[in-house]
């Protein structure tokens, strides 16, 4: 009896430790895209056709949530998405004061121009 209970408890602990999403907090990124002129449908496709959406990612801390948010600022579609604004919350609290993590990111060379050229 002891052996089977011990095995069950050990298995449950291994499952919890091995599955980082069980231990992760609630990291929610709020993403808003600004499309290049005429490219709205393609730019907004990652948000089901909308300019803004939220994306949940597993993170064990606010610092990891911030790192994942900064990484999400990358933009490989520079002639499609003119700018992306991303803020995040961790367990309901704004990460780094609710700042836009994409400000100053080098993947947005057209942010201050009327078009994407």
PDB file of N, CA and C in Angstrom:
ATOM      1  N   UNK A   1       0.834  -1.192   0.000  1.00  0.00           N
ATOM      2  CA  UNK A   1       0.000   0.000   0.000  1.00  0.00           C
ATOM      3  C   UNK A   1       0.877   1.253   0.000  1.00  0.00           C
ATOM      4  N   UNK A   2       1.886   1.285   0.875  1.00  0.00           N
ATOM      5  CA  UNK A   2       2.780   2.436   0.950  1.00  0.00           C
ATOM      6  C   UNK A   2       3.498   2.654  -0.383  1.00  0.00           C
ATOM      7  N   UNK A   3       3.953   1.580  -0.979  1.00  0.00           N
ATOM      8  CA  UNK A   3       4.696   1.675  -2.237  1.00  0.00           C
ATOM      9  C   UNK A   3       3.832   2.254  -3.348  1.00  0.00           C
ATOM     10  N   UNK A   4       2.590   1.857  -3.453  1.00  0.00           N
ATOM     11  CA  UNK A   4       1.731   2.368  -4.517  1.00  0.00           C
ATOM     12  C   UNK A   4       1.386   3.841  -4.295  1.00  0.00           C
ATOM     13  N   UNK A   5       1.166   4.255  -3.038  1.00  0.00           N
ATOM     14  CA  UNK A   5       0.901   5.673  -2.751  1.00  0.00           C
ATOM     15  C   UNK A   5       2.140   6.506  -3.033  1.00  0.00           C
ATOM     16  N   UNK A   6       3.299   5.998  -2.607  1.00  0.00           N
ATOM     17  CA  UNK A   6       4.547   6.710  -2.854  1.00  0.00           C
ATOM     18  C   UNK A   6       4.786   6.869  -4.349  1.00  0.00           C
ATOM     19  N   UNK A   7       4.539   5.831  -5.102  1.00  0.00           N
ATOM     20  CA  UNK A   7       4.722   5.867  -6.550  1.00  0.00           C
ATOM     21  C   UNK A   7       3.763   6.878  -7.179  1.00  0.00           C
ATOM     22  N   UNK A   8       2.537   6.906  -6.706  1.00  0.00           N
ATOM     23  CA  UNK A   8       1.550   7.843  -7.240  1.00  0.00           C
ATOM     24  C   UNK A   8       1.947   9.288  -6.933  1.00  0.00           C
ATOM     25  N   UNK A   9       2.382   9.554  -5.699  1.00  0.00           N
ATOM     26  CA  UNK A   9       2.794  10.908  -5.312  1.00  0.00           C
ATOM     27  C   UNK A   9       4.046  11.315  -6.088  1.00  0.00           C
ATOM     28  N   UNK A  10       5.006  10.413  -6.191  1.00  0.00           N
ATOM     29  CA  UNK A  10       6.230  10.709  -6.930  1.00  0.00           C
ATOM     30  C   UNK A  10       5.916  10.994  -8.399  1.00  0.00           C
ATOM     31  N   UNK A  11       5.020  10.247  -8.977  1.00  0.00           N
ATOM     32  CA  UNK A  11       4.624  10.462 -10.365  1.00  0.00           C
ATOM     33  C   UNK A  11       3.946  11.813 -10.555  1.00  0.00           C
ATOM     34  N   UNK A  12       3.089  12.174  -9.623  1.00  0.00           N
ATOM     35  CA  UNK A  12       2.400  13.469  -9.699  1.00  0.00           C
ATOM     36  C   UNK A  12       3.401  14.616  -9.579  1.00  0.00           C
ATOM     37  N   UNK A  13       4.359  14.498  -8.665  1.00  0.00           N
ATOM     38  CA  UNK A  13       5.382  15.536  -8.511  1.00  0.00           C
ATOM     39  C   UNK A  13       6.237  15.647  -9.767  1.00  0.00           C
ATOM     40  N   UNK A  14       6.610  14.538 -10.342  1.00  0.00           N
ATOM     41  CA  UNK A  14       7.407  14.557 -11.567  1.00  0.00           C
ATOM     42  C   UNK A  14       6.645  15.239 -12.696  1.00  0.00           C
ATOM     43  N   UNK A  15       5.348  14.986 -12.772  1.00  0.00           N
ATOM     44  CA  UNK A  15       4.514  15.608 -13.794  1.00  0.00           C
ATOM     45  C   UNK A  15       4.472  17.119 -13.589  1.00  0.00           C
ATOM     46  N   UNK A  16       4.292  17.560 -12.352  1.00  0.00           N
ATOM     47  CA  UNK A  16       4.250  18.987 -12.061  1.00  0.00           C
ATOM     48  C   UNK A  16       5.578  19.664 -12.360  1.00  0.00           C
ATOM     49  N   UNK A  17       6.661  19.059 -11.945  1.00  0.00           N
ATOM     50  CA  UNK A  17       7.980  19.645 -12.152  1.00  0.00           C
ATOM     51  C   UNK A  17       8.344  19.632 -13.633  1.00  0.00           C
ATOM     52  N   UNK A  18       8.007  18.582 -14.320  1.00  0.00           N
ATOM     53  CA  UNK A  18       8.345  18.457 -15.735  1.00  0.00           C
ATOM     54  C   UNK A  18       7.513  19.331 -16.643  1.00  0.00           C
ATOM     55  N   UNK A  19       6.373  19.763 -16.195  1.00  0.00           N
ATOM     56  CA  UNK A  19       5.479  20.568 -17.019  1.00  0.00           C
ATOM     57  C   UNK A  19       5.542  22.014 -16.540  1.00  0.00           C
ATOM     58  N   UNK A  20       6.392  22.836 -17.173  1.00  0.00           N
ATOM     59  CA  UNK A  20       6.605  24.206 -16.717  1.00  0.00           C
ATOM     60  C   UNK A  20       5.350  25.060 -16.830  1.00  0.00           C
ATOM     61  N   UNK A  21       4.429  24.719 -17.749  1.00  0.00           N
ATOM     62  CA  UNK A  21       3.228  25.534 -17.886  1.00  0.00           C
ATOM     63  C   UNK A  21       2.319  25.405 -16.664  1.00  0.00           C
ATOM     64  N   UNK A  22       2.431  24.296 -15.923  1.00  0.00           N
ATOM     65  CA  UNK A  22       1.647  24.143 -14.698  1.00  0.00           C
ATOM     66  C   UNK A  22       2.121  25.149 -13.660  1.00  0.00           C
ATOM     67  N   UNK A  23       3.426  25.415 -13.642  1.00  0.00           N
ATOM     68  CA  UNK A  23       4.002  26.326 -12.662  1.00  0.00           C
ATOM     69  C   UNK A  23       4.050  27.762 -13.167  1.00  0.00           C
ATOM     70  N   UNK A  24       3.722  27.995 -14.417  1.00  0.00           N
ATOM     71  CA  UNK A  24       3.821  29.318 -15.006  1.00  0.00           C
ATOM     72  C   UNK A  24       2.695  30.218 -14.539  1.00  0.00           C
ATOM     73  N   UNK A  25       3.006  31.519 -14.555  1.00  0.00           N
ATOM     74  CA  UNK A  25       1.990  32.515 -14.256  1.00  0.00           C
ATOM     75  C   UNK A  25       1.219  32.839 -15.520  1.00  0.00           C
ATOM     76  N   UNK A  26       0.386  33.841 -15.436  1.00  0.00           N
ATOM     77  CA  UNK A  26      -0.463  34.249 -16.546  1.00  0.00           C
ATOM     78  C   UNK A  26       0.182  35.439 -17.250  1.00  0.00           C
ATOM     79  N   UNK A  27       0.934  35.186 -18.317  1.00  0.00           N
ATOM     80  CA  UNK A  27       1.573  36.237 -19.117  1.00  0.00           C
ATOM     81  C   UNK A  27       0.696  36.480 -20.339  1.00  0.00           C
ATOM     82  N   UNK A  28       0.118  37.667 -20.415  1.00  0.00           N
ATOM     83  CA  UNK A  28      -0.774  38.009 -21.522  1.00  0.00           C
ATOM     84  C   UNK A  28      -0.199  39.216 -22.256  1.00  0.00           C
ATOM     85  N   UNK A  29       0.088  39.008 -23.541  1.00  0.00           N
ATOM     86  CA  UNK A  29       0.592  40.098 -24.372  1.00  0.00           C
ATOM     87  C   UNK A  29      -0.568  40.711 -25.145  1.00  0.00           C
ATOM     88  N   UNK A  30      -0.650  42.039 -25.103  1.00  0.00           N
ATOM     89  CA  UNK A  30      -1.636  42.775 -25.896  1.00  0.00           C
ATOM     90  C   UNK A  30      -0.906  43.330 -27.106  1.00  0.00           C
ATOM     91  N   UNK A  31      -1.292  42.858 -28.289  1.00  0.00           N
ATOM     92  CA  UNK A  31      -0.581  43.184 -29.525  1.00  0.00           C
ATOM     93  C   UNK A  31      -1.481  44.016 -30.433  1.00  0.00           C
ATOM     94  N   UNK A  32      -0.944  45.145 -30.918  1.00  0.00           N
ATOM     95  CA  UNK A  32      -1.649  45.968 -31.892  1.00  0.00           C
ATOM     96  C   UNK A  32      -0.712  46.199 -33.065  1.00  0.00           C
ATOM     97  N   UNK A  33      -1.170  45.857 -34.259  1.00  0.00           N
ATOM     98  CA  UNK A  33      -0.370  46.043 -35.460  1.00  0.00           C
ATOM     99  C   UNK A  33      -0.859  47.252 -36.250  1.00  0.00           C
ATOM    100  N   UNK A  34       0.102  47.977 -36.823  1.00  0.00           N
ATOM    101  CA  UNK A  34      -0.182  49.033 -37.786  1.00  0.00           C
ATOM    102  C   UNK A  34       0.319  48.514 -39.121  1.00  0.00           C
ATOM    103  N   UNK A  35      -0.587  48.363 -40.063  1.00  0.00           N
ATOM    104  CA  UNK A  35      -0.242  47.785 -41.361  1.00  0.00           C
ATOM    105  C   UNK A  35       0.308  48.835 -42.312  1.00  0.00           C
ATOM    106  N   UNK A  36       1.140  48.379 -43.232  1.00  0.00           N
ATOM    107  CA  UNK A  36       1.548  49.231 -44.334  1.00  0.00           C
ATOM    108  C   UNK A  36       0.305  49.470 -45.194  1.00  0.00           C
ATOM    109  N   UNK A  37       0.226  50.615 -45.887  1.00  0.00           N
ATOM    110  CA  UNK A  37      -0.962  50.911 -46.697  1.00  0.00           C
ATOM    111  C   UNK A  37      -1.298  49.773 -47.655  1.00  0.00           C
ATOM    112  N   UNK A  38      -2.564  49.348 -47.611  1.00  0.00           N
ATOM    113  CA  UNK A  38      -3.055  48.295 -48.485  1.00  0.00           C
ATOM    114  C   UNK A  38      -2.721  46.880 -48.026  1.00  0.00           C
ATOM    115  N   UNK A  39      -2.037  46.728 -46.920  1.00  0.00           N
ATOM    116  CA  UNK A  39      -1.611  45.413 -46.439  1.00  0.00           C
ATOM    117  C   UNK A  39      -2.330  44.987 -45.154  1.00  0.00           C
ATOM    118  N   UNK A  40      -3.451  45.611 -44.864  1.00  0.00           N
ATOM    119  CA  UNK A  40      -4.159  45.343 -43.615  1.00  0.00           C
ATOM    120  C   UNK A  40      -4.535  43.874 -43.450  1.00  0.00           C
ATOM    121  N   UNK A  41      -5.116  43.279 -44.468  1.00  0.00           N
ATOM    122  CA  UNK A  41      -5.567  41.886 -44.352  1.00  0.00           C
ATOM    123  C   UNK A  41      -4.408  40.961 -44.009  1.00  0.00           C
ATOM    124  N   UNK A  42      -3.288  41.130 -44.669  1.00  0.00           N
ATOM    125  CA  UNK A  42      -2.136  40.261 -44.421  1.00  0.00           C
ATOM    126  C   UNK A  42      -1.507  40.549 -43.062  1.00  0.00           C
ATOM    127  N   UNK A  43      -1.376  41.829 -42.713  1.00  0.00           N
ATOM    128  CA  UNK A  43      -0.768  42.204 -41.434  1.00  0.00           C
ATOM    129  C   UNK A  43      -1.613  41.734 -40.256  1.00  0.00           C
ATOM    130  N   UNK A  44      -2.915  41.881 -40.377  1.00  0.00           N
ATOM    131  CA  UNK A  44      -3.815  41.548 -39.273  1.00  0.00           C
ATOM    132  C   UNK A  44      -4.170  40.059 -39.205  1.00  0.00           C
ATOM    133  N   UNK A  45      -3.692  39.277 -40.155  1.00  0.00           N
ATOM    134  CA  UNK A  45      -4.050  37.854 -40.202  1.00  0.00           C
ATOM    135  C   UNK A  45      -3.631  37.099 -38.943  1.00  0.00           C
ATOM    136  N   UNK A  46      -2.581  37.552 -38.289  1.00  0.00           N
ATOM    137  CA  UNK A  46      -2.125  36.866 -37.071  1.00  0.00           C
ATOM    138  C   UNK A  46      -3.031  37.145 -35.871  1.00  0.00           C
ATOM    139  N   UNK A  47      -3.961  38.094 -36.037  1.00  0.00           N
ATOM    140  CA  UNK A  47      -4.953  38.398 -34.993  1.00  0.00           C
ATOM    141  C   UNK A  47      -6.358  38.148 -35.525  1.00  0.00           C
ATOM    142  N   UNK A  48      -6.507  37.119 -36.321  1.00  0.00           N
ATOM    143  CA  UNK A  48      -7.813  36.757 -36.889  1.00  0.00           C
ATOM    144  C   UNK A  48      -8.471  37.920 -37.628  1.00  0.00           C
ATOM    145  N   UNK A  49      -7.660  38.692 -38.362  1.00  0.00           N
ATOM    146  CA  UNK A  49      -8.183  39.781 -39.170  1.00  0.00           C
ATOM    147  C   UNK A  49      -8.372  41.094 -38.439  1.00  0.00           C
ATOM    148  N   UNK A  50      -8.025  41.149 -37.175  1.00  0.00           N
ATOM    149  CA  UNK A  50      -8.174  42.377 -36.378  1.00  0.00           C
ATOM    150  C   UNK A  50      -6.811  43.025 -36.181  1.00  0.00           C
ATOM    151  N   UNK A  51      -6.811  44.332 -35.951  1.00  0.00           N
ATOM    152  CA  UNK A  51      -5.557  45.053 -35.700  1.00  0.00           C
ATOM    153  C   UNK A  51      -4.985  44.680 -34.331  1.00  0.00           C
ATOM    154  N   UNK A  52      -5.845  44.333 -33.379  1.00  0.00           N
ATOM    155  CA  UNK A  52      -5.395  44.049 -32.006  1.00  0.00           C
ATOM    156  C   UNK A  52      -5.922  42.713 -31.510  1.00  0.00           C
ATOM    157  N   UNK A  53      -5.111  42.073 -30.672  1.00  0.00           N
ATOM    158  CA  UNK A  53      -5.535  40.837 -30.029  1.00  0.00           C
ATOM    159  C   UNK A  53      -4.624  40.578 -28.824  1.00  0.00           C
ATOM    160  N   UNK A  54      -4.972  39.562 -28.064  1.00  0.00           N
ATOM    161  CA  UNK A  54      -4.161  39.155 -26.924  1.00  0.00           C
ATOM    162  C   UNK A  54      -3.616  37.762 -27.181  1.00  0.00           C
ATOM    163  N   UNK A  55      -2.424  37.518 -26.655  1.00  0.00           N
ATOM    164  CA  UNK A  55      -1.793  36.212 -26.785  1.00  0.00           C
ATOM    165  C   UNK A  55      -1.252  35.813 -25.420  1.00  0.00           C
ATOM    166  N   UNK A  56      -1.623  34.620 -24.970  1.00  0.00           N
ATOM    167  CA  UNK A  56      -1.135  34.115 -23.688  1.00  0.00           C
ATOM    168  C   UNK A  56       0.080  33.235 -23.935  1.00  0.00           C
ATOM    169  N   UNK A  57       1.113  33.430 -23.120  1.00  0.00           N
ATOM    170  CA  UNK A  57       2.312  32.603 -23.201  1.00  0.00           C
ATOM    171  C   UNK A  57       2.696  32.176 -21.789  1.00  0.00           C
ATOM    172  N   UNK A  58       3.187  30.958 -21.620  1.00  0.00           N
ATOM    173  CA  UNK A  58       3.600  30.527 -20.285  1.00  0.00           C
ATOM    174  C   UNK A  58       4.872  31.257 -19.859  1.00  0.00           C
ATOM    175  N   UNK A  59       4.909  31.691 -18.611  1.00  0.00           N
ATOM    176  CA  UNK A  59       6.095  32.346 -18.063  1.00  0.00           C
ATOM    177  C   UNK A  59       6.078  32.170 -16.544  1.00  0.00           C
ATOM    178  N   UNK A  60       7.210  31.789 -15.959  1.00  0.00           N
ATOM    179  CA  UNK A  60       7.263  31.580 -14.515  1.00  0.00           C
ATOM    180  C   UNK A  60       7.409  32.868 -13.707  1.00  0.00           C
ATOM    181  N   UNK A  61       7.700  33.999 -14.385  1.00  0.00           N
ATOM    182  CA  UNK A  61       7.887  35.259 -13.660  1.00  0.00           C
ATOM    183  C   UNK A  61       7.594  36.432 -14.590  1.00  0.00           C
ATOM    184  N   UNK A  62       7.455  37.626 -14.004  1.00  0.00           N
ATOM    185  CA  UNK A  62       7.247  38.835 -14.797  1.00  0.00           C
ATOM    186  C   UNK A  62       8.467  39.119 -15.664  1.00  0.00           C
ATOM    187  N   UNK A  63       9.660  38.815 -15.163  1.00  0.00           N
ATOM    188  CA  UNK A  63      10.885  39.049 -15.934  1.00  0.00           C
ATOM    189  C   UNK A  63      10.916  38.179 -17.196  1.00  0.00           C
ATOM    190  N   UNK A  64      10.523  36.934 -17.076  1.00  0.00           N
ATOM    191  CA  UNK A  64      10.483  36.039 -18.244  1.00  0.00           C
ATOM    192  C   UNK A  64       9.374  36.491 -19.191  1.00  0.00           C
ATOM    193  N   UNK A  65       8.271  36.946 -18.651  1.00  0.00           N
ATOM    194  CA  UNK A  65       7.176  37.482 -19.467  1.00  0.00           C
ATOM    195  C   UNK A  65       7.695  38.679 -20.274  1.00  0.00           C
ATOM    196  N   UNK A  66       8.469  39.560 -19.641  1.00  0.00           N
ATOM    197  CA  UNK A  66       9.043  40.721 -20.336  1.00  0.00           C
ATOM    198  C   UNK A  66       9.973  40.276 -21.454  1.00  0.00           C
ATOM    199  N   UNK A  67      10.802  39.283 -21.192  1.00  0.00           N
ATOM    200  CA  UNK A  67      11.729  38.779 -22.206  1.00  0.00           C
ATOM    201  C   UNK A  67      10.972  38.203 -23.396  1.00  0.00           C
ATOM    202  N   UNK A  68       9.948  37.418 -23.133  1.00  0.00           N
ATOM    203  CA  UNK A  68       9.154  36.839 -24.219  1.00  0.00           C
ATOM    204  C   UNK A  68       8.428  37.928 -25.014  1.00  0.00           C
ATOM    205  N   UNK A  69       8.008  38.977 -24.332  1.00  0.00           N
ATOM    206  CA  UNK A  69       7.331  40.082 -25.006  1.00  0.00           C
ATOM    207  C   UNK A  69       8.303  40.822 -25.921  1.00  0.00           C
ATOM    208  N   UNK A  70       9.513  41.086 -25.440  1.00  0.00           N
ATOM    209  CA  UNK A  70      10.533  41.755 -26.267  1.00  0.00           C
ATOM    210  C   UNK A  70      10.832  40.926 -27.514  1.00  0.00           C
ATOM    211  N   UNK A  71      10.953  39.622 -27.352  1.00  0.00           N
ATOM    212  CA  UNK A  71      11.222  38.736 -28.488  1.00  0.00           C
ATOM    213  C   UNK A  71      10.082  38.804 -29.502  1.00  0.00           C
ATOM    214  N   UNK A  72       8.854  38.962 -29.019  1.00  0.00           N
ATOM    215  CA  UNK A  72       7.686  39.011 -29.903  1.00  0.00           C
ATOM    216  C   UNK A  72       7.639  40.279 -30.748  1.00  0.00           C
ATOM    217  N   UNK A  73       8.473  41.262 -30.442  1.00  0.00           N
ATOM    218  CA  UNK A  73       8.512  42.491 -31.244  1.00  0.00           C
ATOM    219  C   UNK A  73       9.173  42.279 -32.600  1.00  0.00           C
ATOM    220  N   UNK A  74       9.894  41.197 -32.767  1.00  0.00           N
ATOM    221  CA  UNK A  74      10.562  40.938 -34.046  1.00  0.00           C
ATOM    222  C   UNK A  74       9.554  41.009 -35.187  1.00  0.00           C
ATOM    223  N   UNK A  75       9.975  41.601 -36.301  1.00  0.00           N
ATOM    224  CA  UNK A  75       9.093  41.796 -37.446  1.00  0.00           C
ATOM    225  C   UNK A  75       9.824  41.391 -38.722  1.00  0.00           C
ATOM    226  N   UNK A  76       9.492  40.247 -39.258  1.00  0.00           N
ATOM    227  CA  UNK A  76      10.114  39.780 -40.499  1.00  0.00           C
ATOM    228  C   UNK A  76       9.335  40.252 -41.724  1.00  0.00           C
ATOM    229  N   UNK A  77       8.192  40.909 -41.496  1.00  0.00           N
ATOM    230  CA  UNK A  77       7.339  41.357 -42.609  1.00  0.00           C
ATOM    231  C   UNK A  77       7.316  42.888 -42.654  1.00  0.00           C
ATOM    232  N   UNK A  78       8.469  43.482 -42.884  1.00  0.00           N
ATOM    233  CA  UNK A  78       8.617  44.943 -42.812  1.00  0.00           C
ATOM    234  C   UNK A  78       7.825  45.694 -43.869  1.00  0.00           C
ATOM    235  N   UNK A  79       7.515  45.077 -44.984  1.00  0.00           N
ATOM    236  CA  UNK A  79       6.713  45.756 -46.014  1.00  0.00           C
ATOM    237  C   UNK A  79       5.231  45.432 -45.862  1.00  0.00           C
ATOM    238  N   UNK A  80       4.882  44.728 -44.798  1.00  0.00           N
ATOM    239  CA  UNK A  80       3.488  44.372 -44.523  1.00  0.00           C
ATOM    240  C   UNK A  80       3.026  45.010 -43.209  1.00  0.00           C
ATOM    241  N   UNK A  81       3.823  44.854 -42.165  1.00  0.00           N
ATOM    242  CA  UNK A  81       3.493  45.424 -40.861  1.00  0.00           C
ATOM    243  C   UNK A  81       4.434  46.589 -40.583  1.00  0.00           C
ATOM    244  N   UNK A  82       3.862  47.773 -40.524  1.00  0.00           N
ATOM    245  CA  UNK A  82       4.633  48.999 -40.322  1.00  0.00           C
ATOM    246  C   UNK A  82       5.126  49.105 -38.882  1.00  0.00           C
ATOM    247  N   UNK A  83       4.265  48.704 -37.930  1.00  0.00           N
ATOM    248  CA  UNK A  83       4.633  48.780 -36.514  1.00  0.00           C
ATOM    249  C   UNK A  83       3.792  47.791 -35.717  1.00  0.00           C
ATOM    250  N   UNK A  84       4.358  47.325 -34.648  1.00  0.00           N
ATOM    251  CA  UNK A  84       3.665  46.458 -33.701  1.00  0.00           C
ATOM    252  C   UNK A  84       3.870  47.064 -32.322  1.00  0.00           C
ATOM    253  N   UNK A  85       2.801  47.251 -31.603  1.00  0.00           N
ATOM    254  CA  UNK A  85       2.859  47.725 -30.223  1.00  0.00           C
ATOM    255  C   UNK A  85       2.492  46.551 -29.328  1.00  0.00           C
ATOM    256  N   UNK A  86       3.376  46.217 -28.378  1.00  0.00           N
ATOM    257  CA  UNK A  86       3.087  45.098 -27.488  1.00  0.00           C
ATOM    258  C   UNK A  86       3.329  45.509 -26.039  1.00  0.00           C
ATOM    259  N   UNK A  87       2.282  45.350 -25.241  1.00  0.00           N
ATOM    260  CA  UNK A  87       2.384  45.506 -23.790  1.00  0.00           C
ATOM    261  C   UNK A  87       2.050  44.145 -23.192  1.00  0.00           C
ATOM    262  N   UNK A  88       2.322  43.986 -21.907  1.00  0.00           N
ATOM    263  CA  UNK A  88       2.045  42.691 -21.290  1.00  0.00           C
ATOM    264  C   UNK A  88       1.609  42.863 -19.837  1.00  0.00           C
ATOM    265  N   UNK A  89       0.871  41.847 -19.380  1.00  0.00           N
ATOM    266  CA  UNK A  89       0.543  41.750 -17.957  1.00  0.00           C
ATOM    267  C   UNK A  89       1.004  40.383 -17.482  1.00  0.00           C
ATOM    268  N   UNK A  90       1.390  40.320 -16.225  1.00  0.00           N
ATOM    269  CA  UNK A  90       1.755  39.053 -15.605  1.00  0.00           C
ATOM    270  C   UNK A  90       0.901  38.905 -14.362  1.00  0.00           C
ATOM    271  N   UNK A  91       0.100  37.861 -14.332  1.00  0.00           N
ATOM    272  CA  UNK A  91      -0.864  37.638 -13.250  1.00  0.00           C
ATOM    273  C   UNK A  91      -1.702  38.889 -12.992  1.00  0.00           C
ATOM    274  N   UNK A  92      -2.109  39.557 -14.096  1.00  0.00           N
ATOM    275  CA  UNK A  92      -3.001  40.701 -14.021  1.00  0.00           C
ATOM    276  C   UNK A  92      -2.337  42.038 -13.774  1.00  0.00           C
ATOM    277  N   UNK A  93      -1.033  42.058 -13.514  1.00  0.00           N
ATOM    278  CA  UNK A  93      -0.314  43.307 -13.247  1.00  0.00           C
ATOM    279  C   UNK A  93       0.501  43.716 -14.475  1.00  0.00           C
ATOM    280  N   UNK A  94       0.509  45.016 -14.817  1.00  0.00           N
ATOM    281  CA  UNK A  94       1.300  45.457 -15.974  1.00  0.00           C
ATOM    282  C   UNK A  94       2.781  45.121 -15.800  1.00  0.00           C
ATOM    283  N   UNK A  95       3.396  44.617 -16.855  1.00  0.00           N
ATOM    284  CA  UNK A  95       4.826  44.302 -16.843  1.00  0.00           C
ATOM    285  C   UNK A  95       5.598  45.574 -17.183  1.00  0.00           C
ATOM    286  N   UNK A  96       6.571  45.891 -16.363  1.00  0.00           N
ATOM    287  CA  UNK A  96       7.408  47.087 -16.528  1.00  0.00           C
ATOM    288  C   UNK A  96       6.567  48.338 -16.737  1.00  0.00           C
ATOM    289  N   UNK A  97       5.539  48.482 -15.917  1.00  0.00           N
ATOM    290  CA  UNK A  97       4.708  49.681 -15.938  1.00  0.00           C
ATOM    291  C   UNK A  97       3.782  49.797 -17.128  1.00  0.00           C
ATOM    292  N   UNK A  98       3.608  48.724 -17.886  1.00  0.00           N
ATOM    293  CA  UNK A  98       2.712  48.754 -19.039  1.00  0.00           C
ATOM    294  C   UNK A  98       3.345  49.361 -20.282  1.00  0.00           C
ATOM    295  N   UNK A  99       4.672  49.389 -20.324  1.00  0.00           N
ATOM    296  CA  UNK A  99       5.350  50.014 -21.467  1.00  0.00           C
ATOM    297  C   UNK A  99       5.157  49.222 -22.756  1.00  0.00           C
ATOM    298  N   UNK A 100       5.328  49.926 -23.876  1.00  0.00           N
ATOM    299  CA  UNK A 100       5.317  49.300 -25.196  1.00  0.00           C
ATOM    300  C   UNK A 100       6.727  48.764 -25.434  1.00  0.00           C
ATOM    301  N   UNK A 101       6.868  47.455 -25.472  1.00  0.00           N
ATOM    302  CA  UNK A 101       8.176  46.826 -25.603  1.00  0.00           C
ATOM    303  C   UNK A 101       8.800  46.999 -26.986  1.00  0.00           C
ATOM    304  N   UNK A 102       8.025  47.420 -27.977  1.00  0.00           N
ATOM    305  CA  UNK A 102       8.548  47.531 -29.344  1.00  0.00           C
ATOM    306  C   UNK A 102       9.097  48.915 -29.679  1.00  0.00           C
ATOM    307  N   UNK A 103       8.928  49.892 -28.806  1.00  0.00           N
ATOM    308  CA  UNK A 103       9.442  51.244 -29.068  1.00  0.00           C
ATOM    309  C   UNK A 103      10.955  51.174 -29.273  1.00  0.00           C
ATOM    310  N   UNK A 104      11.410  51.732 -30.397  1.00  0.00           N
ATOM    311  CA  UNK A 104      12.836  51.768 -30.701  1.00  0.00           C
ATOM    312  C   UNK A 104      13.398  50.486 -31.290  1.00  0.00           C
ATOM    313  N   UNK A 105      12.559  49.475 -31.503  1.00  0.00           N
ATOM    314  CA  UNK A 105      13.034  48.200 -32.065  1.00  0.00           C
ATOM    315  C   UNK A 105      13.483  48.427 -33.513  1.00  0.00           C
ATOM    316  N   UNK A 106      14.627  47.882 -33.906  1.00  0.00           N
ATOM    317  CA  UNK A 106      15.159  48.127 -35.253  1.00  0.00           C
ATOM    318  C   UNK A 106      14.354  47.505 -36.401  1.00  0.00           C
ATOM    319  N   UNK A 107      13.413  46.640 -36.106  1.00  0.00           N
ATOM    320  CA  UNK A 107      12.608  46.016 -37.161  1.00  0.00           C
ATOM    321  C   UNK A 107      11.480  46.908 -37.677  1.00  0.00           C
ATOM    322  N   UNK A 108      11.438  48.166 -37.257  1.00  0.00           N
ATOM    323  CA  UNK A 108      10.366  49.075 -37.674  1.00  0.00           C
ATOM    324  C   UNK A 108      10.938  50.348 -38.293  1.00  0.00           C
ATOM    325  N   UNK A 109      11.615  50.224 -39.454  1.00  0.00           N
ATOM    326  CA  UNK A 109      12.242  51.403 -40.060  1.00  0.00           C
ATOM    327  C   UNK A 109      11.246  52.399 -40.654  1.00  0.00           C
ATOM    328  N   UNK A 110       9.994  51.987 -40.841  1.00  0.00           N
ATOM    329  CA  UNK A 110       9.008  52.855 -41.491  1.00  0.00           C
ATOM    330  C   UNK A 110       8.014  53.475 -40.505  1.00  0.00           C
ATOM    331  N   UNK A 111       8.236  53.300 -39.227  1.00  0.00           N
ATOM    332  CA  UNK A 111       7.254  53.740 -38.245  1.00  0.00           C
ATOM    333  C   UNK A 111       6.922  55.237 -38.364  1.00  0.00           C
ATOM    334  N   UNK A 112       7.877  56.062 -38.724  1.00  0.00           N
ATOM    335  CA  UNK A 112       7.637  57.506 -38.825  1.00  0.00           C
ATOM    336  C   UNK A 112       7.402  57.974 -40.263  1.00  0.00           C
ATOM    337  N   UNK A 113       7.198  57.041 -41.173  1.00  0.00           N
ATOM    338  CA  UNK A 113       6.988  57.405 -42.580  1.00  0.00           C
ATOM    339  C   UNK A 113       5.542  57.098 -42.982  1.00  0.00           C
ATOM    340  N   UNK A 114       5.026  57.824 -43.988  1.00  0.00           N
ATOM    341  CA  UNK A 114       3.641  57.601 -44.394  1.00  0.00           C
ATOM    342  C   UNK A 114       3.421  56.241 -45.070  1.00  0.00           C
ATOM    343  N   UNK A 115       4.469  55.668 -45.657  1.00  0.00           N
ATOM    344  CA  UNK A 115       4.321  54.364 -46.284  1.00  0.00           C
ATOM    345  C   UNK A 115       5.468  53.468 -45.849  1.00  0.00           C
ATOM    346  N   UNK A 116       5.602  52.319 -46.455  1.00  0.00           N
ATOM    347  CA  UNK A 116       6.632  51.362 -46.054  1.00  0.00           C
ATOM    348  C   UNK A 116       7.720  51.251 -47.107  1.00  0.00           C
ATOM    349  N   UNK A 117       8.217  52.386 -47.533  1.00  0.00           N
ATOM    350  CA  UNK A 117       9.273  52.419 -48.558  1.00  0.00           C
ATOM    351  C   UNK A 117      10.454  53.224 -48.050  1.00  0.00           C
TER     352      UNK A 117
END
